[in-house]
Amino acid sequence: MTNRIDIVPPLLGLADPIEVMNALRKRWRARHGNVGYFPTNRAQPRIEACIKRKLEAFPGIAELKSAQRESLRRLAREGALVVGPKTAHEVDELIAALHAEAPWMSAVSTAIRQQLLAVLTTGRSGLLLRPILLVGDPGCGKSHYARRLGELAALPVRRIDVGGGSAGFRISGLEKGWSGTCPGIPVETVLASRTANPMMIVDEVDKAGVLTKESGTSTSLTTSLLEMLDLGTAARFGCPAYRVPFDLSRLCWILTANDLRSVPAPLRDRCQIFAVPRPCPDDLVQVYDHLAQGIKDADLVALGRARLEYLAAQGLSLRQLLAWVEVLRGYDDRPQYH
């Protein structure tokens, strides 16, 4: 069972003419030694014409910088790795770690476990999930949960900002005609990591805007996301910057929102929606005990826990708890003087 798959057409992995010529010369010398003459003048034009003809289906390749062409060629040759748990035991370990850090989100963790076990029954493996939309009040741990899921599964994790109306471009990429041409974060991440299923976190999709070009055309987060969240279109996503098709159907998408009513209906239809409650004081204490395991000073941990129990009863958020633990770690790391 292999976890490495094609993301771009393998044809893009064709060697350049110079590389082909060098390989042919090497084979010629290995077979004939110094006897005879390798017909460079006849072979090279034919090789160049053959490769050019094969790549005519991708006219944008000629306009790319050499580094961009090389990254595409490497991805076409090697494929991309599907990362994540490979056995049921690894799935259970991942879910147990998630539950220890976010016990109030057990419904989400349980649904993820069921999906990952179902993936294993098909002969595949890795963190392969339907898009998820987490809805809840600010500070309830939605983004933290998404980031930790990716980190625990050893995925590349990217967060996409919604503010400013440009999130659509950060997802789909920019083509010529705008101020700059660049791939979107999903394509950029796949190329850099050669991972087929990186984690994409889109925060506060209920606050997304629209960006309009001088000519009147526009892009929006919803338009760009719909193309990515639909398996059919994501499997043949046409990158506007590279002008080649990418298979982005295995990307892991977790969206967050504070108000479900403000999330466009097409996005809601494509996601598993989970209402995330605020963590109760007992949940926060449990998370504190888990995170404080790395703090060496037992007295400091005990003092921090006592203070936390008071703060949790006053309505502490997960974000504030994480900041509190970082403060304690800062004290724990101070030099000790005797």
C-alpha atoms as a PDB file:
ATOM      1  CA  MET A   1       0.000   0.000   0.000  1.00  0.00           C
ATOM      2  CA  THR A   2       1.565   3.277  -1.104  1.00  0.00           C
ATOM      3  CA  ASN A   3       0.708   6.669   0.279  1.00  0.00           C
ATOM      4  CA  ARG A   4       2.372   8.590  -2.536  1.00  0.00           C
ATOM      5  CA  ILE A   5       0.056   9.878  -5.259  1.00  0.00           C
ATOM      6  CA  ASP A   6       0.123  12.043  -8.376  1.00  0.00           C
ATOM      7  CA  ILE A   7      -0.856  15.677  -7.775  1.00  0.00           C
ATOM      8  CA  VAL A   8       0.082  17.136 -11.185  1.00  0.00           C
ATOM      9  CA  PRO A   9       0.266  15.343 -14.554  1.00  0.00           C
ATOM     10  CA  PRO A  10       3.351  13.052 -14.641  1.00  0.00           C
ATOM     11  CA  LEU A  11       4.118  14.491 -18.072  1.00  0.00           C
ATOM     12  CA  LEU A  12       5.366  17.626 -16.288  1.00  0.00           C
ATOM     13  CA  GLY A  13       8.244  15.546 -14.912  1.00  0.00           C
ATOM     14  CA  LEU A  14       9.885  15.350 -18.326  1.00  0.00           C
ATOM     15  CA  ALA A  15      13.580  16.163 -18.221  1.00  0.00           C
ATOM     16  CA  ASP A  16      14.881  19.224 -20.021  1.00  0.00           C
ATOM     17  CA  PRO A  17      16.808  18.678 -23.288  1.00  0.00           C
ATOM     18  CA  ILE A  18      20.239  19.173 -21.720  1.00  0.00           C
ATOM     19  CA  GLU A  19      19.527  16.518 -19.089  1.00  0.00           C
ATOM     20  CA  VAL A  20      18.371  14.082 -21.812  1.00  0.00           C
ATOM     21  CA  MET A  21      21.456  14.769 -23.910  1.00  0.00           C
ATOM     22  CA  ASN A  22      23.785  14.184 -20.974  1.00  0.00           C
ATOM     23  CA  ALA A  23      22.062  10.896 -20.191  1.00  0.00           C
ATOM     24  CA  LEU A  24      22.330   9.754 -23.811  1.00  0.00           C
ATOM     25  CA  ARG A  25      26.034  10.660 -23.948  1.00  0.00           C
ATOM     26  CA  LYS A  26      26.621   8.685 -20.760  1.00  0.00           C
ATOM     27  CA  ARG A  27      24.888   5.631 -22.229  1.00  0.00           C
ATOM     28  CA  TRP A  28      26.824   6.018 -25.488  1.00  0.00           C
ATOM     29  CA  ARG A  29      30.172   6.083 -23.691  1.00  0.00           C
ATOM     30  CA  ALA A  30      29.207   3.137 -21.505  1.00  0.00           C
ATOM     31  CA  ARG A  31      28.361   1.101 -24.606  1.00  0.00           C
ATOM     32  CA  HIS A  32      30.964   2.313 -27.143  1.00  0.00           C
ATOM     33  CA  GLY A  33      33.695   3.865 -25.026  1.00  0.00           C
ATOM     34  CA  ASN A  34      35.658   6.415 -27.045  1.00  0.00           C
ATOM     35  CA  VAL A  35      34.902   4.644 -30.299  1.00  0.00           C
ATOM     36  CA  GLY A  36      32.690   6.543 -32.683  1.00  0.00           C
ATOM     37  CA  TYR A  37      31.027   9.932 -32.372  1.00  0.00           C
ATOM     38  CA  PHE A  38      27.791  10.711 -30.544  1.00  0.00           C
ATOM     39  CA  PRO A  39      25.535  12.562 -33.043  1.00  0.00           C
ATOM     40  CA  THR A  40      24.860  15.651 -30.928  1.00  0.00           C
ATOM     41  CA  ASN A  41      23.936  17.912 -33.851  1.00  0.00           C
ATOM     42  CA  ARG A  42      21.193  15.532 -35.025  1.00  0.00           C
ATOM     43  CA  ALA A  43      19.924  14.324 -31.636  1.00  0.00           C
ATOM     44  CA  GLN A  44      19.569  17.563 -29.713  1.00  0.00           C
ATOM     45  CA  PRO A  45      17.125  19.360 -32.074  1.00  0.00           C
ATOM     46  CA  ARG A  46      14.953  16.229 -32.217  1.00  0.00           C
ATOM     47  CA  ILE A  47      14.907  15.885 -28.440  1.00  0.00           C
ATOM     48  CA  GLU A  48      14.052  19.563 -27.967  1.00  0.00           C
ATOM     49  CA  ALA A  49      11.223  19.329 -30.532  1.00  0.00           C
ATOM     50  CA  CYS A  50       9.845  16.155 -28.904  1.00  0.00           C
ATOM     51  CA  ILE A  51       9.771  17.630 -25.396  1.00  0.00           C
ATOM     52  CA  LYS A  52       8.302  20.897 -26.649  1.00  0.00           C
ATOM     53  CA  ARG A  53       5.558  19.016 -28.486  1.00  0.00           C
ATOM     54  CA  LYS A  54       4.656  16.975 -25.399  1.00  0.00           C
ATOM     55  CA  LEU A  55       4.443  20.082 -23.207  1.00  0.00           C
ATOM     56  CA  GLU A  56       2.271  22.086 -25.610  1.00  0.00           C
ATOM     57  CA  ALA A  57      -0.731  21.101 -23.501  1.00  0.00           C
ATOM     58  CA  PHE A  58       0.706  23.319 -20.749  1.00  0.00           C
ATOM     59  CA  PRO A  59       1.589  26.633 -22.453  1.00  0.00           C
ATOM     60  CA  GLY A  60       2.093  28.434 -19.140  1.00  0.00           C
ATOM     61  CA  ILE A  61       5.179  26.337 -18.338  1.00  0.00           C
ATOM     62  CA  ALA A  62       7.367  28.419 -20.628  1.00  0.00           C
ATOM     63  CA  GLU A  63       6.518  31.584 -18.671  1.00  0.00           C
ATOM     64  CA  LEU A  64       7.499  30.174 -15.269  1.00  0.00           C
ATOM     65  CA  LYS A  65      10.767  30.936 -13.549  1.00  0.00           C
ATOM     66  CA  SER A  66      13.309  28.130 -13.448  1.00  0.00           C
ATOM     67  CA  ALA A  67      12.729  27.516  -9.716  1.00  0.00           C
ATOM     68  CA  GLN A  68       8.974  27.221 -10.299  1.00  0.00           C
ATOM     69  CA  ARG A  69       9.464  24.796 -13.193  1.00  0.00           C
ATOM     70  CA  GLU A  70      11.823  22.698 -11.088  1.00  0.00           C
ATOM     71  CA  SER A  71       9.384  22.474  -8.163  1.00  0.00           C
ATOM     72  CA  LEU A  72       6.618  21.380 -10.534  1.00  0.00           C
ATOM     73  CA  ARG A  73       8.870  18.829 -12.205  1.00  0.00           C
ATOM     74  CA  ARG A  74       9.937  17.374  -8.870  1.00  0.00           C
ATOM     75  CA  LEU A  75       6.320  17.060  -7.725  1.00  0.00           C
ATOM     76  CA  ALA A  76       5.400  15.396 -11.034  1.00  0.00           C
ATOM     77  CA  ARG A  77       8.244  12.891 -10.704  1.00  0.00           C
ATOM     78  CA  GLU A  78       7.972  12.034  -7.023  1.00  0.00           C
ATOM     79  CA  GLY A  79       4.282  12.596  -6.314  1.00  0.00           C
ATOM     80  CA  ALA A  80       3.068  13.724  -2.892  1.00  0.00           C
ATOM     81  CA  LEU A  81       2.802  11.831   0.369  1.00  0.00           C
ATOM     82  CA  VAL A  82      -0.511  11.277   2.175  1.00  0.00           C
ATOM     83  CA  VAL A  83       0.350  11.912   5.842  1.00  0.00           C
ATOM     84  CA  GLY A  84      -1.480  10.726   8.942  1.00  0.00           C
ATOM     85  CA  PRO A  85      -2.357   7.589  10.926  1.00  0.00           C
ATOM     86  CA  LYS A  86      -1.768   4.286   9.135  1.00  0.00           C
ATOM     87  CA  THR A  87      -3.395   1.873  11.602  1.00  0.00           C
ATOM     88  CA  ALA A  88      -6.430   1.794  13.878  1.00  0.00           C
ATOM     89  CA  HIS A  89      -4.091   2.007  16.869  1.00  0.00           C
ATOM     90  CA  GLU A  90      -2.526   5.215  15.512  1.00  0.00           C
ATOM     91  CA  VAL A  91      -6.017   6.626  14.947  1.00  0.00           C
ATOM     92  CA  ASP A  92      -6.944   5.906  18.566  1.00  0.00           C
ATOM     93  CA  GLU A  93      -3.717   7.503  19.811  1.00  0.00           C
ATOM     94  CA  LEU A  94      -4.416  10.639  17.772  1.00  0.00           C
ATOM     95  CA  ILE A  95      -7.989  10.942  19.057  1.00  0.00           C
ATOM     96  CA  ALA A  96      -6.917  10.300  22.655  1.00  0.00           C
ATOM     97  CA  ALA A  97      -4.357  13.111  22.413  1.00  0.00           C
ATOM     98  CA  LEU A  98      -7.004  15.438  20.976  1.00  0.00           C
ATOM     99  CA  HIS A  99      -9.457  14.565  23.718  1.00  0.00           C
ATOM    100  CA  ALA A 100      -6.847  15.249  26.407  1.00  0.00           C
ATOM    101  CA  GLU A 101      -6.362  18.762  25.031  1.00  0.00           C
ATOM    102  CA  ALA A 102     -10.013  19.531  24.191  1.00  0.00           C
ATOM    103  CA  PRO A 103     -12.411  17.273  26.107  1.00  0.00           C
ATOM    104  CA  TRP A 104     -15.388  19.588  25.431  1.00  0.00           C
ATOM    105  CA  MET A 105     -14.968  18.884  21.697  1.00  0.00           C
ATOM    106  CA  SER A 106     -15.412  15.125  22.014  1.00  0.00           C
ATOM    107  CA  ALA A 107     -18.212  15.115  19.421  1.00  0.00           C
ATOM    108  CA  VAL A 108     -15.789  16.429  16.793  1.00  0.00           C
ATOM    109  CA  SER A 109     -13.051  13.988  17.799  1.00  0.00           C
ATOM    110  CA  THR A 110     -15.480  11.063  17.688  1.00  0.00           C
ATOM    111  CA  ALA A 111     -16.648  11.990  14.180  1.00  0.00           C
ATOM    112  CA  ILE A 112     -13.033  12.303  12.996  1.00  0.00           C
ATOM    113  CA  ARG A 113     -12.211   8.893  14.482  1.00  0.00           C
ATOM    114  CA  GLN A 114     -15.102   7.268  12.630  1.00  0.00           C
ATOM    115  CA  GLN A 115     -14.013   8.798   9.328  1.00  0.00           C
ATOM    116  CA  LEU A 116     -10.376   7.763   9.727  1.00  0.00           C
ATOM    117  CA  LEU A 117     -11.331   4.181  10.604  1.00  0.00           C
ATOM    118  CA  ALA A 118     -13.595   4.114   7.536  1.00  0.00           C
ATOM    119  CA  VAL A 119     -10.659   5.269   5.400  1.00  0.00           C
ATOM    120  CA  LEU A 120      -8.570   2.337   6.668  1.00  0.00           C
ATOM    121  CA  THR A 121     -11.253  -0.158   5.625  1.00  0.00           C
ATOM    122  CA  THR A 122     -10.851   0.991   1.999  1.00  0.00           C
ATOM    123  CA  GLY A 123      -7.145   0.147   1.974  1.00  0.00           C
ATOM    124  CA  ARG A 124      -6.046   3.750   2.240  1.00  0.00           C
ATOM    125  CA  SER A 125      -4.545   5.592   5.204  1.00  0.00           C
ATOM    126  CA  GLY A 126      -3.707   9.086   6.381  1.00  0.00           C
ATOM    127  CA  LEU A 127      -5.693  12.054   7.649  1.00  0.00           C
ATOM    128  CA  LEU A 128      -8.423  12.193   5.007  1.00  0.00           C
ATOM    129  CA  LEU A 129     -11.490  14.140   6.141  1.00  0.00           C
ATOM    130  CA  ARG A 130     -14.573  15.805   4.782  1.00  0.00           C
ATOM    131  CA  PRO A 131     -14.452  19.608   5.264  1.00  0.00           C
ATOM    132  CA  ILE A 132     -15.329  20.636   8.816  1.00  0.00           C
ATOM    133  CA  LEU A 133     -16.989  23.846  10.025  1.00  0.00           C
ATOM    134  CA  LEU A 134     -16.589  24.622  13.736  1.00  0.00           C
ATOM    135  CA  VAL A 135     -19.048  27.183  15.098  1.00  0.00           C
ATOM    136  CA  GLY A 136     -18.786  28.738  18.539  1.00  0.00           C
ATOM    137  CA  ASP A 137     -18.009  31.795  20.630  1.00  0.00           C
ATOM    138  CA  PRO A 138     -14.567  33.452  20.400  1.00  0.00           C
ATOM    139  CA  GLY A 139     -12.052  31.801  22.705  1.00  0.00           C
ATOM    140  CA  CYS A 140     -13.716  28.377  22.812  1.00  0.00           C
ATOM    141  CA  GLY A 141     -10.731  26.685  21.160  1.00  0.00           C
ATOM    142  CA  LYS A 142     -11.851  26.190  17.542  1.00  0.00           C
ATOM    143  CA  SER A 143      -8.617  27.320  15.864  1.00  0.00           C
ATOM    144  CA  HIS A 144      -6.438  25.710  18.532  1.00  0.00           C
ATOM    145  CA  TYR A 145      -8.192  22.390  17.998  1.00  0.00           C
ATOM    146  CA  ALA A 146      -7.728  22.555  14.222  1.00  0.00           C
ATOM    147  CA  ARG A 147      -4.048  23.424  14.555  1.00  0.00           C
ATOM    148  CA  ARG A 148      -3.407  20.668  17.093  1.00  0.00           C
ATOM    149  CA  LEU A 149      -5.157  18.092  14.892  1.00  0.00           C
ATOM    150  CA  GLY A 150      -2.764  18.927  12.061  1.00  0.00           C
ATOM    151  CA  GLU A 151       0.286  19.002  14.313  1.00  0.00           C
ATOM    152  CA  LEU A 152      -0.517  15.696  16.026  1.00  0.00           C
ATOM    153  CA  ALA A 153      -0.982  14.055  12.616  1.00  0.00           C
ATOM    154  CA  ALA A 154       2.358  15.579  11.434  1.00  0.00           C
ATOM    155  CA  LEU A 155       0.688  17.570   8.629  1.00  0.00           C
ATOM    156  CA  PRO A 156       1.856  20.927   7.301  1.00  0.00           C
ATOM    157  CA  VAL A 157      -0.565  23.446   8.846  1.00  0.00           C
ATOM    158  CA  ARG A 158      -1.460  26.763   7.197  1.00  0.00           C
ATOM    159  CA  ARG A 159      -3.839  29.401   8.492  1.00  0.00           C
ATOM    160  CA  ILE A 160      -5.636  31.605   5.968  1.00  0.00           C
ATOM    161  CA  ASP A 161      -6.669  35.058   7.150  1.00  0.00           C
ATOM    162  CA  VAL A 162     -10.142  36.181   6.113  1.00  0.00           C
ATOM    163  CA  GLY A 163      -9.798  39.884   6.873  1.00  0.00           C
ATOM    164  CA  GLY A 164      -9.349  42.485   4.139  1.00  0.00           C
ATOM    165  CA  GLY A 165     -11.385  40.689   1.478  1.00  0.00           C
ATOM    166  CA  SER A 166      -8.311  39.061  -0.120  1.00  0.00           C
ATOM    167  CA  ALA A 167      -8.750  35.567   1.324  1.00  0.00           C
ATOM    168  CA  GLY A 168     -10.168  34.367  -2.000  1.00  0.00           C
ATOM    169  CA  PHE A 169      -6.870  35.111  -3.726  1.00  0.00           C
ATOM    170  CA  ARG A 170      -4.896  33.503  -0.909  1.00  0.00           C
ATOM    171  CA  ILE A 171      -6.839  30.304  -1.580  1.00  0.00           C
ATOM    172  CA  SER A 172      -7.105  30.186  -5.374  1.00  0.00           C
ATOM    173  CA  GLY A 173      -4.049  32.240  -6.373  1.00  0.00           C
ATOM    174  CA  LEU A 174      -3.511  35.222  -8.637  1.00  0.00           C
ATOM    175  CA  GLU A 175      -3.355  35.210 -12.418  1.00  0.00           C
ATOM    176  CA  LYS A 176      -1.993  37.840 -14.772  1.00  0.00           C
ATOM    177  CA  GLY A 177      -3.995  41.040 -14.757  1.00  0.00           C
ATOM    178  CA  TRP A 178      -3.683  41.630 -11.035  1.00  0.00           C
ATOM    179  CA  SER A 179      -0.836  43.395  -9.273  1.00  0.00           C
ATOM    180  CA  GLY A 180       1.150  40.174  -8.928  1.00  0.00           C
ATOM    181  CA  THR A 181       1.003  36.551 -10.061  1.00  0.00           C
ATOM    182  CA  CYS A 182       1.343  33.890  -7.376  1.00  0.00           C
ATOM    183  CA  PRO A 183      -0.175  30.530  -6.434  1.00  0.00           C
ATOM    184  CA  GLY A 184      -2.635  30.214  -3.596  1.00  0.00           C
ATOM    185  CA  ILE A 185      -1.628  28.879  -0.189  1.00  0.00           C
ATOM    186  CA  PRO A 186      -2.909  25.322  -0.915  1.00  0.00           C
ATOM    187  CA  VAL A 187      -0.826  24.961  -4.093  1.00  0.00           C
ATOM    188  CA  GLU A 188       2.129  26.706  -2.482  1.00  0.00           C
ATOM    189  CA  THR A 189       2.001  24.318   0.504  1.00  0.00           C
ATOM    190  CA  VAL A 190       1.692  21.170  -1.606  1.00  0.00           C
ATOM    191  CA  LEU A 191       4.637  22.213  -3.773  1.00  0.00           C
ATOM    192  CA  ALA A 192       6.852  23.119  -0.817  1.00  0.00           C
ATOM    193  CA  SER A 193       6.054  20.081   1.352  1.00  0.00           C
ATOM    194  CA  ARG A 194       5.099  17.532  -1.329  1.00  0.00           C
ATOM    195  CA  THR A 195       2.265  16.561   1.000  1.00  0.00           C
ATOM    196  CA  ALA A 196      -1.088  15.690  -0.568  1.00  0.00           C
ATOM    197  CA  ASN A 197      -3.234  16.470   2.476  1.00  0.00           C
ATOM    198  CA  PRO A 198      -1.933  19.540   4.342  1.00  0.00           C
ATOM    199  CA  MET A 199      -4.191  21.156   6.930  1.00  0.00           C
ATOM    200  CA  MET A 200      -5.853  24.402   5.799  1.00  0.00           C
ATOM    201  CA  ILE A 201      -7.472  26.459   8.575  1.00  0.00           C
ATOM    202  CA  VAL A 202      -9.780  29.293   7.500  1.00  0.00           C
ATOM    203  CA  ASP A 203     -10.797  31.370  10.513  1.00  0.00           C
ATOM    204  CA  GLU A 204     -14.023  33.367  10.790  1.00  0.00           C
ATOM    205  CA  VAL A 205     -15.510  32.550   7.399  1.00  0.00           C
ATOM    206  CA  ASP A 206     -18.620  34.406   8.540  1.00  0.00           C
ATOM    207  CA  LYS A 207     -16.672  37.675   8.170  1.00  0.00           C
ATOM    208  CA  ALA A 208     -15.286  37.191   4.664  1.00  0.00           C
ATOM    209  CA  GLY A 209     -15.450  40.022   2.143  1.00  0.00           C
ATOM    210  CA  VAL A 210     -15.060  40.579  -1.599  1.00  0.00           C
ATOM    211  CA  LEU A 211     -12.088  42.068  -3.478  1.00  0.00           C
ATOM    212  CA  THR A 212     -12.733  43.817  -6.803  1.00  0.00           C
ATOM    213  CA  LYS A 213     -10.260  44.566  -9.600  1.00  0.00           C
ATOM    214  CA  GLU A 214     -10.213  47.845 -11.534  1.00  0.00           C
ATOM    215  CA  SER A 215     -11.872  46.141 -14.505  1.00  0.00           C
ATOM    216  CA  GLY A 216     -14.841  45.206 -12.316  1.00  0.00           C
ATOM    217  CA  THR A 217     -14.161  41.478 -11.870  1.00  0.00           C
ATOM    218  CA  SER A 218     -13.981  40.251  -8.300  1.00  0.00           C
ATOM    219  CA  THR A 219     -13.105  37.320  -6.118  1.00  0.00           C
ATOM    220  CA  SER A 220     -14.530  36.224  -2.791  1.00  0.00           C
ATOM    221  CA  LEU A 221     -13.673  33.687  -0.147  1.00  0.00           C
ATOM    222  CA  THR A 222     -16.894  31.776  -0.841  1.00  0.00           C
ATOM    223  CA  THR A 223     -16.196  31.436  -4.572  1.00  0.00           C
ATOM    224  CA  SER A 224     -12.664  30.188  -4.003  1.00  0.00           C
ATOM    225  CA  LEU A 225     -13.609  27.842  -1.170  1.00  0.00           C
ATOM    226  CA  LEU A 226     -16.467  26.228  -3.057  1.00  0.00           C
ATOM    227  CA  GLU A 227     -14.047  25.074  -5.729  1.00  0.00           C
ATOM    228  CA  MET A 228     -11.737  23.588  -3.105  1.00  0.00           C
ATOM    229  CA  LEU A 229     -14.397  21.938  -0.931  1.00  0.00           C
ATOM    230  CA  ASP A 230     -16.044  20.085  -3.817  1.00  0.00           C
ATOM    231  CA  LEU A 231     -14.112  16.859  -4.462  1.00  0.00           C
ATOM    232  CA  GLY A 232     -14.878  16.894  -8.167  1.00  0.00           C
ATOM    233  CA  THR A 233     -13.526  20.366  -8.895  1.00  0.00           C
ATOM    234  CA  ALA A 234     -10.697  20.133  -6.340  1.00  0.00           C
ATOM    235  CA  ALA A 235      -9.387  17.015  -8.088  1.00  0.00           C
ATOM    236  CA  ARG A 236      -8.700  19.063 -11.225  1.00  0.00           C
ATOM    237  CA  PHE A 237      -8.077  22.534  -9.837  1.00  0.00           C
ATOM    238  CA  GLY A 238      -6.587  24.810 -12.491  1.00  0.00           C
ATOM    239  CA  CYS A 239      -3.964  26.942 -10.777  1.00  0.00           C
ATOM    240  CA  PRO A 240      -4.134  30.432 -12.359  1.00  0.00           C
ATOM    241  CA  ALA A 241      -0.482  31.141 -11.593  1.00  0.00           C
ATOM    242  CA  TYR A 242       1.068  27.907 -12.941  1.00  0.00           C
ATOM    243  CA  ARG A 243      -1.700  27.176 -15.456  1.00  0.00           C
ATOM    244  CA  VAL A 244      -1.543  23.443 -14.831  1.00  0.00           C
ATOM    245  CA  PRO A 245      -4.107  21.162 -13.105  1.00  0.00           C
ATOM    246  CA  PHE A 246      -3.544  20.135  -9.476  1.00  0.00           C
ATOM    247  CA  ASP A 247      -5.332  17.365  -7.582  1.00  0.00           C
ATOM    248  CA  LEU A 248      -6.222  19.081  -4.290  1.00  0.00           C
ATOM    249  CA  SER A 249      -9.030  16.711  -3.364  1.00  0.00           C
ATOM    250  CA  ARG A 250      -7.186  15.337  -0.314  1.00  0.00           C
ATOM    251  CA  LEU A 251      -6.557  18.645   1.444  1.00  0.00           C
ATOM    252  CA  CYS A 252      -7.892  18.829   5.003  1.00  0.00           C
ATOM    253  CA  TRP A 253     -10.110  21.888   5.455  1.00  0.00           C
ATOM    254  CA  ILE A 254     -11.284  23.177   8.823  1.00  0.00           C
ATOM    255  CA  LEU A 255     -13.331  26.379   8.793  1.00  0.00           C
ATOM    256  CA  THR A 256     -14.330  28.315  11.885  1.00  0.00           C
ATOM    257  CA  ALA A 257     -17.137  30.807  12.478  1.00  0.00           C
ATOM    258  CA  ASN A 258     -18.690  32.678  15.370  1.00  0.00           C
ATOM    259  CA  ASP A 259     -22.156  32.956  13.821  1.00  0.00           C
ATOM    260  CA  LEU A 260     -23.501  30.163  11.614  1.00  0.00           C
ATOM    261  CA  ARG A 261     -26.237  32.406  10.213  1.00  0.00           C
ATOM    262  CA  SER A 262     -23.609  34.571   8.497  1.00  0.00           C
ATOM    263  CA  VAL A 263     -21.898  31.633   6.754  1.00  0.00           C
ATOM    264  CA  PRO A 264     -23.093  31.362   3.120  1.00  0.00           C
ATOM    265  CA  ALA A 265     -25.419  28.420   2.542  1.00  0.00           C
ATOM    266  CA  PRO A 266     -23.227  26.798  -0.171  1.00  0.00           C
ATOM    267  CA  LEU A 267     -20.358  26.574   2.320  1.00  0.00           C
ATOM    268  CA  ARG A 268     -22.595  25.105   4.997  1.00  0.00           C
ATOM    269  CA  ASP A 269     -23.830  22.475   2.538  1.00  0.00           C
ATOM    270  CA  ARG A 270     -20.282  21.251   1.852  1.00  0.00           C
ATOM    271  CA  CYS A 271     -19.135  20.965   5.471  1.00  0.00           C
ATOM    272  CA  GLN A 272     -19.731  18.850   8.520  1.00  0.00           C
ATOM    273  CA  ILE A 273     -20.984  21.416  11.026  1.00  0.00           C
ATOM    274  CA  PHE A 274     -20.210  21.145  14.731  1.00  0.00           C
ATOM    275  CA  ALA A 275     -21.426  23.514  17.444  1.00  0.00           C
ATOM    276  CA  VAL A 276     -18.497  24.030  19.812  1.00  0.00           C
ATOM    277  CA  PRO A 277     -19.456  24.798  23.429  1.00  0.00           C
ATOM    278  CA  ARG A 278     -17.352  26.882  25.751  1.00  0.00           C
ATOM    279  CA  PRO A 279     -15.094  24.743  27.963  1.00  0.00           C
ATOM    280  CA  CYS A 280     -16.381  24.391  31.524  1.00  0.00           C
ATOM    281  CA  PRO A 281     -14.055  24.931  34.521  1.00  0.00           C
ATOM    282  CA  ASP A 282     -13.407  21.192  34.850  1.00  0.00           C
ATOM    283  CA  ASP A 283     -12.384  21.032  31.177  1.00  0.00           C
ATOM    284  CA  LEU A 284      -9.929  23.895  31.637  1.00  0.00           C
ATOM    285  CA  VAL A 285      -8.382  22.272  34.704  1.00  0.00           C
ATOM    286  CA  GLN A 286      -7.982  19.009  32.780  1.00  0.00           C
ATOM    287  CA  VAL A 287      -6.277  20.824  29.912  1.00  0.00           C
ATOM    288  CA  TYR A 288      -4.040  22.655  32.383  1.00  0.00           C
ATOM    289  CA  ASP A 289      -2.960  19.371  33.984  1.00  0.00           C
ATOM    290  CA  HIS A 290      -2.118  17.999  30.537  1.00  0.00           C
ATOM    291  CA  LEU A 291      -0.141  21.045  29.428  1.00  0.00           C
ATOM    292  CA  ALA A 292       1.648  21.489  32.760  1.00  0.00           C
ATOM    293  CA  GLN A 293       3.286  18.063  32.546  1.00  0.00           C
ATOM    294  CA  GLY A 294       6.356  19.648  30.985  1.00  0.00           C
ATOM    295  CA  ILE A 295       6.871  22.122  33.856  1.00  0.00           C
ATOM    296  CA  LYS A 296       9.552  20.836  36.240  1.00  0.00           C
ATOM    297  CA  ASP A 297       8.744  22.979  39.296  1.00  0.00           C
ATOM    298  CA  ALA A 298       5.987  21.061  41.124  1.00  0.00           C
ATOM    299  CA  ASP A 299       5.292  23.964  43.511  1.00  0.00           C
ATOM    300  CA  LEU A 300       4.839  26.319  40.571  1.00  0.00           C
ATOM    301  CA  VAL A 301       2.416  23.860  38.941  1.00  0.00           C
ATOM    302  CA  ALA A 302       0.393  23.599  42.173  1.00  0.00           C
ATOM    303  CA  LEU A 303       0.221  27.380  42.600  1.00  0.00           C
ATOM    304  CA  GLY A 304      -0.780  27.777  38.972  1.00  0.00           C
ATOM    305  CA  ARG A 305      -3.516  25.172  39.324  1.00  0.00           C
ATOM    306  CA  ALA A 306      -4.954  26.843  42.408  1.00  0.00           C
ATOM    307  CA  ARG A 307      -5.033  30.193  40.622  1.00  0.00           C
ATOM    308  CA  LEU A 308      -6.524  28.570  37.531  1.00  0.00           C
ATOM    309  CA  GLU A 309      -9.417  27.039  39.463  1.00  0.00           C
ATOM    310  CA  TYR A 310     -10.372  30.524  40.638  1.00  0.00           C
ATOM    311  CA  LEU A 311      -9.986  32.081  37.168  1.00  0.00           C
ATOM    312  CA  ALA A 312     -11.907  29.250  35.478  1.00  0.00           C
ATOM    313  CA  ALA A 313     -14.871  29.899  37.740  1.00  0.00           C
ATOM    314  CA  GLN A 314     -14.826  33.541  36.566  1.00  0.00           C
ATOM    315  CA  GLY A 315     -15.176  32.562  32.894  1.00  0.00           C
ATOM    316  CA  LEU A 316     -11.623  31.960  31.637  1.00  0.00           C
ATOM    317  CA  SER A 317     -11.291  31.223  27.899  1.00  0.00           C
ATOM    318  CA  LEU A 318      -8.991  28.615  26.384  1.00  0.00           C
ATOM    319  CA  ARG A 319      -6.920  31.383  24.813  1.00  0.00           C
ATOM    320  CA  GLN A 320      -6.348  32.896  28.253  1.00  0.00           C
ATOM    321  CA  LEU A 321      -5.502  29.471  29.679  1.00  0.00           C
ATOM    322  CA  LEU A 322      -2.829  28.874  27.028  1.00  0.00           C
ATOM    323  CA  ALA A 323      -1.343  32.302  27.780  1.00  0.00           C
ATOM    324  CA  TRP A 324      -1.362  31.480  31.505  1.00  0.00           C
ATOM    325  CA  VAL A 325       0.550  28.233  30.924  1.00  0.00           C
ATOM    326  CA  GLU A 326       3.121  30.100  28.831  1.00  0.00           C
ATOM    327  CA  VAL A 327       3.639  32.518  31.736  1.00  0.00           C
ATOM    328  CA  LEU A 328       4.290  29.583  34.075  1.00  0.00           C
ATOM    329  CA  ARG A 329       6.714  28.037  31.586  1.00  0.00           C
ATOM    330  CA  GLY A 330       8.566  31.338  31.483  1.00  0.00           C
ATOM    331  CA  TYR A 331       9.002  31.248  35.254  1.00  0.00           C
ATOM    332  CA  ASP A 332      10.025  27.587  35.090  1.00  0.00           C
ATOM    333  CA  ASP A 333      12.764  28.340  32.558  1.00  0.00           C
ATOM    334  CA  ARG A 334      14.396  31.084  34.667  1.00  0.00           C
ATOM    335  CA  PRO A 335      17.921  30.388  35.968  1.00  0.00           C
ATOM    336  CA  GLN A 336      17.935  29.067  39.523  1.00  0.00           C
ATOM    337  CA  TYR A 337      20.207  30.823  42.011  1.00  0.00           C
ATOM    338  CA  HIS A 338      21.211  29.215  45.296  1.00  0.00           C
END
